[in-house]
Amino acid sequence: MTALREKMLTDLQLRNYSQHTIDAYIRQVAAFACHFGTSPDRLSPSQVRDYQLFLLRQKQASWPSLVQTVAALRFFYRVTLGRRWMIDYLPHPRYVKPLPTVLSQAEVLALLRAKHNLKHRALLTTIYAAGLRVSEVAHLLLTDIDSRREVIHVRRGKGQKDRLVMLSPHLLTLLREYWQAYRPPRWLFPGDDPQQPIHTRSILRVCKAAGVAADISKTVTPHVLRHSFATHLLEAGTDLRTIQLLLGHHSLRTTARYVHVSTLALRSTVSPLDLLPGHGPAASAL
């Protein structure tokens, strides 16, 4: 490890960034240096701009990838190198606001009933029942399941924050069945090495395979299940502030986007077409 890489790693650790963010930032700065074949502290503002254009035009990087690259480089120049003036050459990409993909309740039911082993069913059910991020479910400990208080303790979620979420009685029954069959020693969902948690890539594969098995046309990911958790709670009458706390969102504005994908208000709103004479429900029935 070079001295510069070591310094950036130390800077990230001292500021208590998550290991996931540390790995991502180090990887993005390394890719930036590799693109030009030289140490990143020797690169000029014009090369920073050229790299952003390369990602945008040639690699056609996704919006989340661009944001992560810019965030990593901004940290590198601002903190590790102490060159705050470089931030002017690293503007944040304009925010794209796609609506989250949400499964219907029928699709979730089909997904959980699809043909897969008990561990995978317990894993998918836990993500949906508690609205967990993929890294959060991967790092659940057996001791995080508090059956007496009927809560799940989510530790060091996004922003290094702990929170409590509800423990569904149906989920608890399933987890007890799963524990009796697998007897995981420490992690609720261990990986191939029982002493290590399941890898997030493995969880992604389980989700996609379950979606195919359930004949769901949408691509199923852990975050789709999390989006579905939030949307179904909203449609059941849960207030946004409660959903925000359950999801661990820093801002209520982030949670409020589920209002746009909930069909509850849409179903209760009559189209102006149906208000025209001769186009109402009675006319349609004829």
C-alpha atoms as a PDB file:
ATOM      1  CA  MET A   1       0.000   0.000   0.000  1.00  0.00           C
ATOM      2  CA  THR A   2       1.372   3.403  -0.998  1.00  0.00           C
ATOM      3  CA  ALA A   3       1.786   6.150   1.591  1.00  0.00           C
ATOM      4  CA  LEU A   4      -0.942   8.202  -0.129  1.00  0.00           C
ATOM      5  CA  ARG A   5      -3.400   5.313  -0.084  1.00  0.00           C
ATOM      6  CA  GLU A   6      -2.566   4.643   3.565  1.00  0.00           C
ATOM      7  CA  LYS A   7      -3.190   8.297   4.438  1.00  0.00           C
ATOM      8  CA  MET A   8      -6.576   8.319   2.728  1.00  0.00           C
ATOM      9  CA  LEU A   9      -7.519   5.074   4.468  1.00  0.00           C
ATOM     10  CA  THR A  10      -6.556   6.567   7.823  1.00  0.00           C
ATOM     11  CA  ASP A  11      -8.477   9.774   7.067  1.00  0.00           C
ATOM     12  CA  LEU A  12     -11.623   7.752   6.335  1.00  0.00           C
ATOM     13  CA  GLN A  13     -11.244   5.575   9.420  1.00  0.00           C
ATOM     14  CA  LEU A  14     -10.677   8.560  11.722  1.00  0.00           C
ATOM     15  CA  ARG A  15     -13.969  10.034  10.494  1.00  0.00           C
ATOM     16  CA  ASN A  16     -15.743   6.750  11.222  1.00  0.00           C
ATOM     17  CA  TYR A  17     -16.816   6.009   7.661  1.00  0.00           C
ATOM     18  CA  SER A  18     -18.316   2.562   7.185  1.00  0.00           C
ATOM     19  CA  GLN A  19     -16.106  -0.167   5.760  1.00  0.00           C
ATOM     20  CA  HIS A  20     -18.333  -0.306   2.690  1.00  0.00           C
ATOM     21  CA  THR A  21     -17.784   3.422   2.026  1.00  0.00           C
ATOM     22  CA  ILE A  22     -14.052   3.154   2.729  1.00  0.00           C
ATOM     23  CA  ASP A  23     -13.658   0.335   0.226  1.00  0.00           C
ATOM     24  CA  ALA A  24     -15.708   2.206  -2.386  1.00  0.00           C
ATOM     25  CA  TYR A  25     -13.805   5.494  -2.010  1.00  0.00           C
ATOM     26  CA  ILE A  26     -10.400   3.808  -2.152  1.00  0.00           C
ATOM     27  CA  ARG A  27     -11.501   1.857  -5.226  1.00  0.00           C
ATOM     28  CA  GLN A  28     -12.782   4.955  -7.034  1.00  0.00           C
ATOM     29  CA  VAL A  29      -9.612   6.993  -6.419  1.00  0.00           C
ATOM     30  CA  ALA A  30      -7.482   4.017  -7.494  1.00  0.00           C
ATOM     31  CA  ALA A  31      -9.486   3.744 -10.736  1.00  0.00           C
ATOM     32  CA  PHE A  32      -8.972   7.475 -11.331  1.00  0.00           C
ATOM     33  CA  ALA A  33      -5.190   7.108 -10.911  1.00  0.00           C
ATOM     34  CA  CYS A  34      -5.096   3.952 -13.046  1.00  0.00           C
ATOM     35  CA  HIS A  35      -6.910   5.735 -15.883  1.00  0.00           C
ATOM     36  CA  PHE A  36      -4.000   8.181 -16.228  1.00  0.00           C
ATOM     37  CA  GLY A  37      -1.282   5.782 -15.094  1.00  0.00           C
ATOM     38  CA  THR A  38       0.090   8.067 -12.410  1.00  0.00           C
ATOM     39  CA  SER A  39      -0.387   9.042  -8.764  1.00  0.00           C
ATOM     40  CA  PRO A  40      -3.623  11.023  -8.310  1.00  0.00           C
ATOM     41  CA  ASP A  41      -1.865  13.834  -6.429  1.00  0.00           C
ATOM     42  CA  ARG A  42      -0.037  14.702  -9.678  1.00  0.00           C
ATOM     43  CA  LEU A  43      -3.185  15.142 -11.758  1.00  0.00           C
ATOM     44  CA  SER A  44      -4.461  18.564 -12.809  1.00  0.00           C
ATOM     45  CA  PRO A  45      -7.989  20.030 -12.773  1.00  0.00           C
ATOM     46  CA  SER A  46      -8.263  19.467 -16.524  1.00  0.00           C
ATOM     47  CA  GLN A  47      -7.543  15.766 -16.035  1.00  0.00           C
ATOM     48  CA  VAL A  48     -10.186  15.589 -13.301  1.00  0.00           C
ATOM     49  CA  ARG A  49     -12.660  17.081 -15.776  1.00  0.00           C
ATOM     50  CA  ASP A  50     -11.520  14.707 -18.547  1.00  0.00           C
ATOM     51  CA  TYR A  51     -12.067  11.727 -16.269  1.00  0.00           C
ATOM     52  CA  GLN A  52     -15.604  12.788 -15.432  1.00  0.00           C
ATOM     53  CA  LEU A  53     -16.373  13.184 -19.138  1.00  0.00           C
ATOM     54  CA  PHE A  54     -14.842   9.756 -19.782  1.00  0.00           C
ATOM     55  CA  LEU A  55     -17.138   8.153 -17.204  1.00  0.00           C
ATOM     56  CA  LEU A  56     -20.159   9.971 -18.563  1.00  0.00           C
ATOM     57  CA  ARG A  57     -19.648   9.620 -22.314  1.00  0.00           C
ATOM     58  CA  GLN A  58     -17.539   6.522 -22.889  1.00  0.00           C
ATOM     59  CA  LYS A  59     -18.287   4.297 -19.915  1.00  0.00           C
ATOM     60  CA  GLN A  60     -21.845   5.640 -19.645  1.00  0.00           C
ATOM     61  CA  ALA A  61     -21.602   5.251 -15.882  1.00  0.00           C
ATOM     62  CA  SER A  62     -24.843   5.192 -13.914  1.00  0.00           C
ATOM     63  CA  TRP A  63     -25.890   8.145 -11.791  1.00  0.00           C
ATOM     64  CA  PRO A  64     -25.047   6.351  -8.466  1.00  0.00           C
ATOM     65  CA  SER A  65     -21.593   5.457  -9.827  1.00  0.00           C
ATOM     66  CA  LEU A  66     -20.927   9.068 -10.877  1.00  0.00           C
ATOM     67  CA  VAL A  67     -22.031  10.383  -7.502  1.00  0.00           C
ATOM     68  CA  GLN A  68     -19.783   7.912  -5.690  1.00  0.00           C
ATOM     69  CA  THR A  69     -16.800   8.827  -7.873  1.00  0.00           C
ATOM     70  CA  VAL A  70     -17.288  12.551  -7.270  1.00  0.00           C
ATOM     71  CA  ALA A  71     -17.749  12.009  -3.519  1.00  0.00           C
ATOM     72  CA  ALA A  72     -14.567   9.926  -3.332  1.00  0.00           C
ATOM     73  CA  LEU A  73     -12.488  12.455  -5.263  1.00  0.00           C
ATOM     74  CA  ARG A  74     -13.876  15.366  -3.275  1.00  0.00           C
ATOM     75  CA  PHE A  75     -12.870  13.631  -0.045  1.00  0.00           C
ATOM     76  CA  PHE A  76      -9.442  12.777  -1.444  1.00  0.00           C
ATOM     77  CA  TYR A  77      -8.640  16.336  -2.519  1.00  0.00           C
ATOM     78  CA  ARG A  78     -10.327  18.133   0.366  1.00  0.00           C
ATOM     79  CA  VAL A  79      -9.155  15.944   3.271  1.00  0.00           C
ATOM     80  CA  THR A  80      -6.244  13.758   2.217  1.00  0.00           C
ATOM     81  CA  LEU A  81      -4.446  16.359   0.071  1.00  0.00           C
ATOM     82  CA  GLY A  82      -5.860  19.486   1.683  1.00  0.00           C
ATOM     83  CA  ARG A  83      -6.584  21.060  -1.718  1.00  0.00           C
ATOM     84  CA  ARG A  84      -9.992  22.568  -1.129  1.00  0.00           C
ATOM     85  CA  TRP A  85      -9.763  24.611  -4.313  1.00  0.00           C
ATOM     86  CA  MET A  86     -10.054  21.375  -6.325  1.00  0.00           C
ATOM     87  CA  ILE A  87     -13.656  20.987  -5.138  1.00  0.00           C
ATOM     88  CA  ASP A  88     -14.679  23.631  -7.692  1.00  0.00           C
ATOM     89  CA  TYR A  89     -13.710  21.149 -10.430  1.00  0.00           C
ATOM     90  CA  LEU A  90     -15.795  18.346  -8.914  1.00  0.00           C
ATOM     91  CA  PRO A  91     -19.426  19.499  -9.019  1.00  0.00           C
ATOM     92  CA  HIS A  92     -22.081  17.077  -7.849  1.00  0.00           C
ATOM     93  CA  PRO A  93     -23.987  15.547 -10.771  1.00  0.00           C
ATOM     94  CA  ARG A  94     -27.523  16.792 -11.135  1.00  0.00           C
ATOM     95  CA  TYR A  95     -29.779  14.593  -9.050  1.00  0.00           C
ATOM     96  CA  VAL A  96     -31.871  12.081 -10.982  1.00  0.00           C
ATOM     97  CA  LYS A  97     -35.069  11.036  -9.222  1.00  0.00           C
ATOM     98  CA  PRO A  98     -36.333   7.760 -10.647  1.00  0.00           C
ATOM     99  CA  LEU A  99     -39.340   6.264  -8.917  1.00  0.00           C
ATOM    100  CA  PRO A 100     -38.446   3.187  -6.865  1.00  0.00           C
ATOM    101  CA  THR A 101     -39.530  -0.214  -8.149  1.00  0.00           C
ATOM    102  CA  VAL A 102     -42.201  -1.703  -5.901  1.00  0.00           C
ATOM    103  CA  LEU A 103     -43.733  -5.169  -5.813  1.00  0.00           C
ATOM    104  CA  SER A 104     -47.432  -5.656  -5.199  1.00  0.00           C
ATOM    105  CA  GLN A 105     -48.487  -7.615  -2.133  1.00  0.00           C
ATOM    106  CA  ALA A 106     -49.411 -10.513  -4.413  1.00  0.00           C
ATOM    107  CA  GLU A 107     -45.927 -10.449  -5.957  1.00  0.00           C
ATOM    108  CA  VAL A 108     -44.262 -10.416  -2.529  1.00  0.00           C
ATOM    109  CA  LEU A 109     -46.388 -13.387  -1.486  1.00  0.00           C
ATOM    110  CA  ALA A 110     -45.448 -15.270  -4.659  1.00  0.00           C
ATOM    111  CA  LEU A 111     -41.779 -14.429  -4.086  1.00  0.00           C
ATOM    112  CA  LEU A 112     -41.775 -15.736  -0.520  1.00  0.00           C
ATOM    113  CA  ARG A 113     -43.655 -18.876  -1.532  1.00  0.00           C
ATOM    114  CA  ALA A 114     -41.412 -19.617  -4.513  1.00  0.00           C
ATOM    115  CA  LYS A 115     -39.345 -22.758  -4.477  1.00  0.00           C
ATOM    116  CA  HIS A 116     -36.174 -22.119  -2.479  1.00  0.00           C
ATOM    117  CA  ASN A 117     -34.571 -23.522   0.636  1.00  0.00           C
ATOM    118  CA  LEU A 118     -35.517 -22.534   4.179  1.00  0.00           C
ATOM    119  CA  LYS A 119     -32.485 -20.269   4.651  1.00  0.00           C
ATOM    120  CA  HIS A 120     -33.254 -18.265   1.542  1.00  0.00           C
ATOM    121  CA  ARG A 121     -36.928 -17.960   2.444  1.00  0.00           C
ATOM    122  CA  ALA A 122     -35.988 -16.738   5.922  1.00  0.00           C
ATOM    123  CA  LEU A 123     -33.509 -14.270   4.400  1.00  0.00           C
ATOM    124  CA  LEU A 124     -36.003 -12.789   1.925  1.00  0.00           C
ATOM    125  CA  THR A 125     -38.747 -12.633   4.533  1.00  0.00           C
ATOM    126  CA  THR A 126     -36.483 -10.812   6.982  1.00  0.00           C
ATOM    127  CA  ILE A 127     -35.578  -8.150   4.394  1.00  0.00           C
ATOM    128  CA  TYR A 128     -39.215  -7.493   3.527  1.00  0.00           C
ATOM    129  CA  ALA A 129     -40.693  -7.796   7.036  1.00  0.00           C
ATOM    130  CA  ALA A 130     -38.201  -5.335   8.539  1.00  0.00           C
ATOM    131  CA  GLY A 131     -37.342  -3.145   5.530  1.00  0.00           C
ATOM    132  CA  LEU A 132     -33.616  -3.801   5.862  1.00  0.00           C
ATOM    133  CA  ARG A 133     -30.773  -2.723   3.600  1.00  0.00           C
ATOM    134  CA  VAL A 134     -28.718  -5.555   2.149  1.00  0.00           C
ATOM    135  CA  SER A 135     -25.699  -4.815   4.366  1.00  0.00           C
ATOM    136  CA  GLU A 136     -27.953  -4.658   7.431  1.00  0.00           C
ATOM    137  CA  VAL A 137     -29.508  -8.077   6.939  1.00  0.00           C
ATOM    138  CA  ALA A 138     -26.097  -9.551   6.101  1.00  0.00           C
ATOM    139  CA  HIS A 139     -24.675  -8.394   9.438  1.00  0.00           C
ATOM    140  CA  LEU A 140     -27.543  -9.394  11.713  1.00  0.00           C
ATOM    141  CA  LEU A 141     -26.401 -11.353  14.742  1.00  0.00           C
ATOM    142  CA  LEU A 142     -28.519 -13.979  16.477  1.00  0.00           C
ATOM    143  CA  THR A 143     -28.559 -11.686  19.502  1.00  0.00           C
ATOM    144  CA  ASP A 144     -30.099  -8.899  17.405  1.00  0.00           C
ATOM    145  CA  ILE A 145     -33.400 -10.811  17.339  1.00  0.00           C
ATOM    146  CA  ASP A 146     -35.114  -9.754  20.576  1.00  0.00           C
ATOM    147  CA  SER A 147     -38.171 -11.985  20.810  1.00  0.00           C
ATOM    148  CA  ARG A 148     -39.158 -10.711  24.273  1.00  0.00           C
ATOM    149  CA  ARG A 149     -39.435  -7.085  23.144  1.00  0.00           C
ATOM    150  CA  GLU A 150     -40.539  -8.132  19.632  1.00  0.00           C
ATOM    151  CA  VAL A 151     -37.910  -6.000  17.919  1.00  0.00           C
ATOM    152  CA  ILE A 152     -34.868  -6.436  15.692  1.00  0.00           C
ATOM    153  CA  HIS A 153     -31.793  -4.417  16.607  1.00  0.00           C
ATOM    154  CA  VAL A 154     -30.168  -3.032  13.456  1.00  0.00           C
ATOM    155  CA  ARG A 155     -26.585  -2.074  14.299  1.00  0.00           C
ATOM    156  CA  ARG A 156     -24.413   0.411  12.459  1.00  0.00           C
ATOM    157  CA  GLY A 157     -26.802   1.052   9.599  1.00  0.00           C
ATOM    158  CA  LYS A 158     -26.225   3.791   7.053  1.00  0.00           C
ATOM    159  CA  GLY A 159     -24.489   6.702   8.745  1.00  0.00           C
ATOM    160  CA  GLN A 160     -23.286   4.318  11.480  1.00  0.00           C
ATOM    161  CA  LYS A 161     -26.648   4.614  13.236  1.00  0.00           C
ATOM    162  CA  ASP A 162     -28.391   1.932  15.266  1.00  0.00           C
ATOM    163  CA  ARG A 163     -32.166   1.570  15.194  1.00  0.00           C
ATOM    164  CA  LEU A 164     -34.942  -0.779  16.226  1.00  0.00           C
ATOM    165  CA  VAL A 165     -37.513  -2.257  13.843  1.00  0.00           C
ATOM    166  CA  MET A 166     -40.530  -4.408  14.545  1.00  0.00           C
ATOM    167  CA  LEU A 167     -40.219  -8.196  14.727  1.00  0.00           C
ATOM    168  CA  SER A 168     -43.196  -9.734  12.984  1.00  0.00           C
ATOM    169  CA  PRO A 169     -44.672 -12.749  14.834  1.00  0.00           C
ATOM    170  CA  HIS A 170     -44.803 -14.591  11.497  1.00  0.00           C
ATOM    171  CA  LEU A 171     -41.124 -13.792  10.893  1.00  0.00           C
ATOM    172  CA  LEU A 172     -40.203 -14.936  14.400  1.00  0.00           C
ATOM    173  CA  THR A 173     -41.902 -18.297  13.803  1.00  0.00           C
ATOM    174  CA  LEU A 174     -40.016 -18.701  10.520  1.00  0.00           C
ATOM    175  CA  LEU A 175     -36.670 -17.707  12.092  1.00  0.00           C
ATOM    176  CA  ARG A 176     -37.158 -20.251  14.884  1.00  0.00           C
ATOM    177  CA  GLU A 177     -37.827 -22.940  12.280  1.00  0.00           C
ATOM    178  CA  TYR A 178     -34.749 -21.823  10.367  1.00  0.00           C
ATOM    179  CA  TRP A 179     -32.576 -21.824  13.513  1.00  0.00           C
ATOM    180  CA  GLN A 180     -33.664 -25.350  14.422  1.00  0.00           C
ATOM    181  CA  ALA A 181     -32.677 -26.561  10.948  1.00  0.00           C
ATOM    182  CA  TYR A 182     -29.374 -24.692  10.487  1.00  0.00           C
ATOM    183  CA  ARG A 183     -28.137 -23.750  13.980  1.00  0.00           C
ATOM    184  CA  PRO A 184     -26.065 -20.723  12.852  1.00  0.00           C
ATOM    185  CA  PRO A 185     -23.359 -20.092  15.507  1.00  0.00           C
ATOM    186  CA  ARG A 186     -23.130 -16.284  15.479  1.00  0.00           C
ATOM    187  CA  TRP A 187     -24.419 -14.535  12.394  1.00  0.00           C
ATOM    188  CA  LEU A 188     -28.112 -14.962  11.673  1.00  0.00           C
ATOM    189  CA  PHE A 189     -27.277 -15.653   8.026  1.00  0.00           C
ATOM    190  CA  PRO A 190     -23.689 -16.911   7.801  1.00  0.00           C
ATOM    191  CA  GLY A 191     -21.773 -17.314   4.551  1.00  0.00           C
ATOM    192  CA  ASP A 192     -19.925 -20.378   3.300  1.00  0.00           C
ATOM    193  CA  ASP A 193     -17.592 -19.828   6.243  1.00  0.00           C
ATOM    194  CA  PRO A 194     -19.898 -20.061   9.297  1.00  0.00           C
ATOM    195  CA  GLN A 195     -17.719 -17.527  11.120  1.00  0.00           C
ATOM    196  CA  GLN A 196     -18.366 -14.874   8.451  1.00  0.00           C
ATOM    197  CA  PRO A 197     -21.649 -13.209   7.445  1.00  0.00           C
ATOM    198  CA  ILE A 198     -23.266 -13.949   4.102  1.00  0.00           C
ATOM    199  CA  HIS A 199     -21.863 -11.799   1.302  1.00  0.00           C
ATOM    200  CA  THR A 200     -24.126  -9.100  -0.105  1.00  0.00           C
ATOM    201  CA  ARG A 201     -23.566 -10.466  -3.633  1.00  0.00           C
ATOM    202  CA  SER A 202     -24.985 -13.794  -2.482  1.00  0.00           C
ATOM    203  CA  ILE A 203     -28.096 -12.036  -1.168  1.00  0.00           C
ATOM    204  CA  LEU A 204     -28.512 -10.267  -4.512  1.00  0.00           C
ATOM    205  CA  ARG A 205     -28.322 -13.611  -6.331  1.00  0.00           C
ATOM    206  CA  VAL A 206     -30.916 -15.128  -3.994  1.00  0.00           C
ATOM    207  CA  CYS A 207     -33.309 -12.235  -4.663  1.00  0.00           C
ATOM    208  CA  LYS A 208     -32.943 -12.421  -8.431  1.00  0.00           C
ATOM    209  CA  ALA A 209     -33.340 -16.213  -8.467  1.00  0.00           C
ATOM    210  CA  ALA A 210     -36.460 -15.990  -6.304  1.00  0.00           C
ATOM    211  CA  GLY A 211     -37.934 -13.375  -8.652  1.00  0.00           C
ATOM    212  CA  VAL A 212     -37.401 -15.667 -11.622  1.00  0.00           C
ATOM    213  CA  ALA A 213     -38.855 -18.651  -9.737  1.00  0.00           C
ATOM    214  CA  ALA A 214     -41.926 -16.581  -8.824  1.00  0.00           C
ATOM    215  CA  ASP A 215     -42.320 -15.483 -12.478  1.00  0.00           C
ATOM    216  CA  ILE A 216     -42.075 -11.792 -11.566  1.00  0.00           C
ATOM    217  CA  SER A 217     -41.221  -9.604 -14.553  1.00  0.00           C
ATOM    218  CA  LYS A 218     -39.500  -6.928 -12.411  1.00  0.00           C
ATOM    219  CA  THR A 219     -35.886  -7.418 -11.361  1.00  0.00           C
ATOM    220  CA  VAL A 220     -36.033  -8.275  -7.675  1.00  0.00           C
ATOM    221  CA  THR A 221     -33.281  -6.887  -5.469  1.00  0.00           C
ATOM    222  CA  PRO A 222     -32.994  -6.406  -1.691  1.00  0.00           C
ATOM    223  CA  HIS A 223     -33.741  -2.701  -2.163  1.00  0.00           C
ATOM    224  CA  VAL A 224     -36.900  -3.506  -4.139  1.00  0.00           C
ATOM    225  CA  LEU A 225     -38.112  -5.458  -1.112  1.00  0.00           C
ATOM    226  CA  ARG A 226     -37.202  -2.495   1.107  1.00  0.00           C
ATOM    227  CA  HIS A 227     -39.129  -0.146  -1.197  1.00  0.00           C
ATOM    228  CA  SER A 228     -42.083  -2.538  -1.086  1.00  0.00           C
ATOM    229  CA  PHE A 229     -41.952  -2.630   2.735  1.00  0.00           C
ATOM    230  CA  ALA A 230     -42.201   1.166   2.910  1.00  0.00           C
ATOM    231  CA  THR A 231     -44.899   1.484   0.254  1.00  0.00           C
ATOM    232  CA  HIS A 232     -47.091  -1.242   1.736  1.00  0.00           C
ATOM    233  CA  LEU A 233     -46.830   0.362   5.178  1.00  0.00           C
ATOM    234  CA  LEU A 234     -47.853   3.717   3.699  1.00  0.00           C
ATOM    235  CA  GLU A 235     -50.824   2.153   1.917  1.00  0.00           C
ATOM    236  CA  ALA A 236     -51.842   0.487   5.203  1.00  0.00           C
ATOM    237  CA  GLY A 237     -52.066   3.913   6.851  1.00  0.00           C
ATOM    238  CA  THR A 238     -48.691   4.162   8.617  1.00  0.00           C
ATOM    239  CA  ASP A 239     -47.546   7.773   8.903  1.00  0.00           C
ATOM    240  CA  LEU A 240     -44.410   8.945   7.091  1.00  0.00           C
ATOM    241  CA  ARG A 241     -42.513   9.818  10.265  1.00  0.00           C
ATOM    242  CA  THR A 242     -42.844   6.253  11.558  1.00  0.00           C
ATOM    243  CA  ILE A 243     -41.738   4.843   8.209  1.00  0.00           C
ATOM    244  CA  GLN A 244     -38.766   7.222   8.234  1.00  0.00           C
ATOM    245  CA  LEU A 245     -37.644   5.890  11.626  1.00  0.00           C
ATOM    246  CA  LEU A 246     -38.120   2.269  10.564  1.00  0.00           C
ATOM    247  CA  LEU A 247     -36.089   2.786   7.392  1.00  0.00           C
ATOM    248  CA  GLY A 248     -33.365   4.770   9.151  1.00  0.00           C
ATOM    249  CA  HIS A 249     -33.668   7.727   6.773  1.00  0.00           C
ATOM    250  CA  HIS A 250     -31.894  10.911   7.791  1.00  0.00           C
ATOM    251  CA  SER A 251     -34.409  13.146   6.018  1.00  0.00           C
ATOM    252  CA  LEU A 252     -38.183  12.902   5.790  1.00  0.00           C
ATOM    253  CA  ARG A 253     -37.870  14.078   2.181  1.00  0.00           C
ATOM    254  CA  THR A 254     -36.248  10.743   1.306  1.00  0.00           C
ATOM    255  CA  THR A 255     -39.170   8.843   2.803  1.00  0.00           C
ATOM    256  CA  ALA A 256     -41.743  11.093   1.165  1.00  0.00           C
ATOM    257  CA  ARG A 257     -40.923   9.728  -2.296  1.00  0.00           C
ATOM    258  CA  TYR A 258     -42.988   6.633  -1.457  1.00  0.00           C
ATOM    259  CA  VAL A 259     -46.064   8.831  -1.675  1.00  0.00           C
ATOM    260  CA  HIS A 260     -45.384   8.982  -5.419  1.00  0.00           C
ATOM    261  CA  VAL A 261     -45.402   5.187  -5.881  1.00  0.00           C
ATOM    262  CA  SER A 262     -48.306   4.390  -3.592  1.00  0.00           C
ATOM    263  CA  THR A 263     -51.406   3.570  -5.639  1.00  0.00           C
ATOM    264  CA  LEU A 264     -53.817   4.240  -2.767  1.00  0.00           C
ATOM    265  CA  ALA A 265     -54.527   7.841  -3.749  1.00  0.00           C
ATOM    266  CA  LEU A 266     -54.528   6.967  -7.443  1.00  0.00           C
ATOM    267  CA  ARG A 267     -57.139   4.258  -7.008  1.00  0.00           C
ATOM    268  CA  SER A 268     -59.443   6.642  -5.136  1.00  0.00           C
ATOM    269  CA  THR A 269     -59.086   9.404  -7.739  1.00  0.00           C
ATOM    270  CA  VAL A 270     -61.476   9.395 -10.676  1.00  0.00           C
ATOM    271  CA  SER A 271     -60.044  10.137 -14.107  1.00  0.00           C
ATOM    272  CA  PRO A 272     -61.650  13.139 -15.831  1.00  0.00           C
ATOM    273  CA  LEU A 273     -62.462  10.776 -18.689  1.00  0.00           C
ATOM    274  CA  ASP A 274     -64.867   8.936 -16.428  1.00  0.00           C
ATOM    275  CA  LEU A 275     -66.543  12.219 -15.489  1.00  0.00           C
ATOM    276  CA  LEU A 276     -67.576  12.920 -19.089  1.00  0.00           C
ATOM    277  CA  PRO A 277     -71.225  12.252 -19.959  1.00  0.00           C
ATOM    278  CA  GLY A 278     -71.586   8.756 -21.312  1.00  0.00           C
ATOM    279  CA  HIS A 279     -68.166   7.600 -20.063  1.00  0.00           C
ATOM    280  CA  GLY A 280     -69.013   6.701 -16.456  1.00  0.00           C
ATOM    281  CA  PRO A 281     -69.000   3.198 -14.948  1.00  0.00           C
ATOM    282  CA  ALA A 282     -72.622   2.640 -15.937  1.00  0.00           C
ATOM    283  CA  ALA A 283     -71.872   3.400 -19.573  1.00  0.00           C
ATOM    284  CA  SER A 284     -68.825   1.131 -19.516  1.00  0.00           C
ATOM    285  CA  ALA A 285     -70.936  -1.752 -18.287  1.00  0.00           C
ATOM    286  CA  LEU A 286     -73.266  -1.570 -21.261  1.00  0.00           C
END
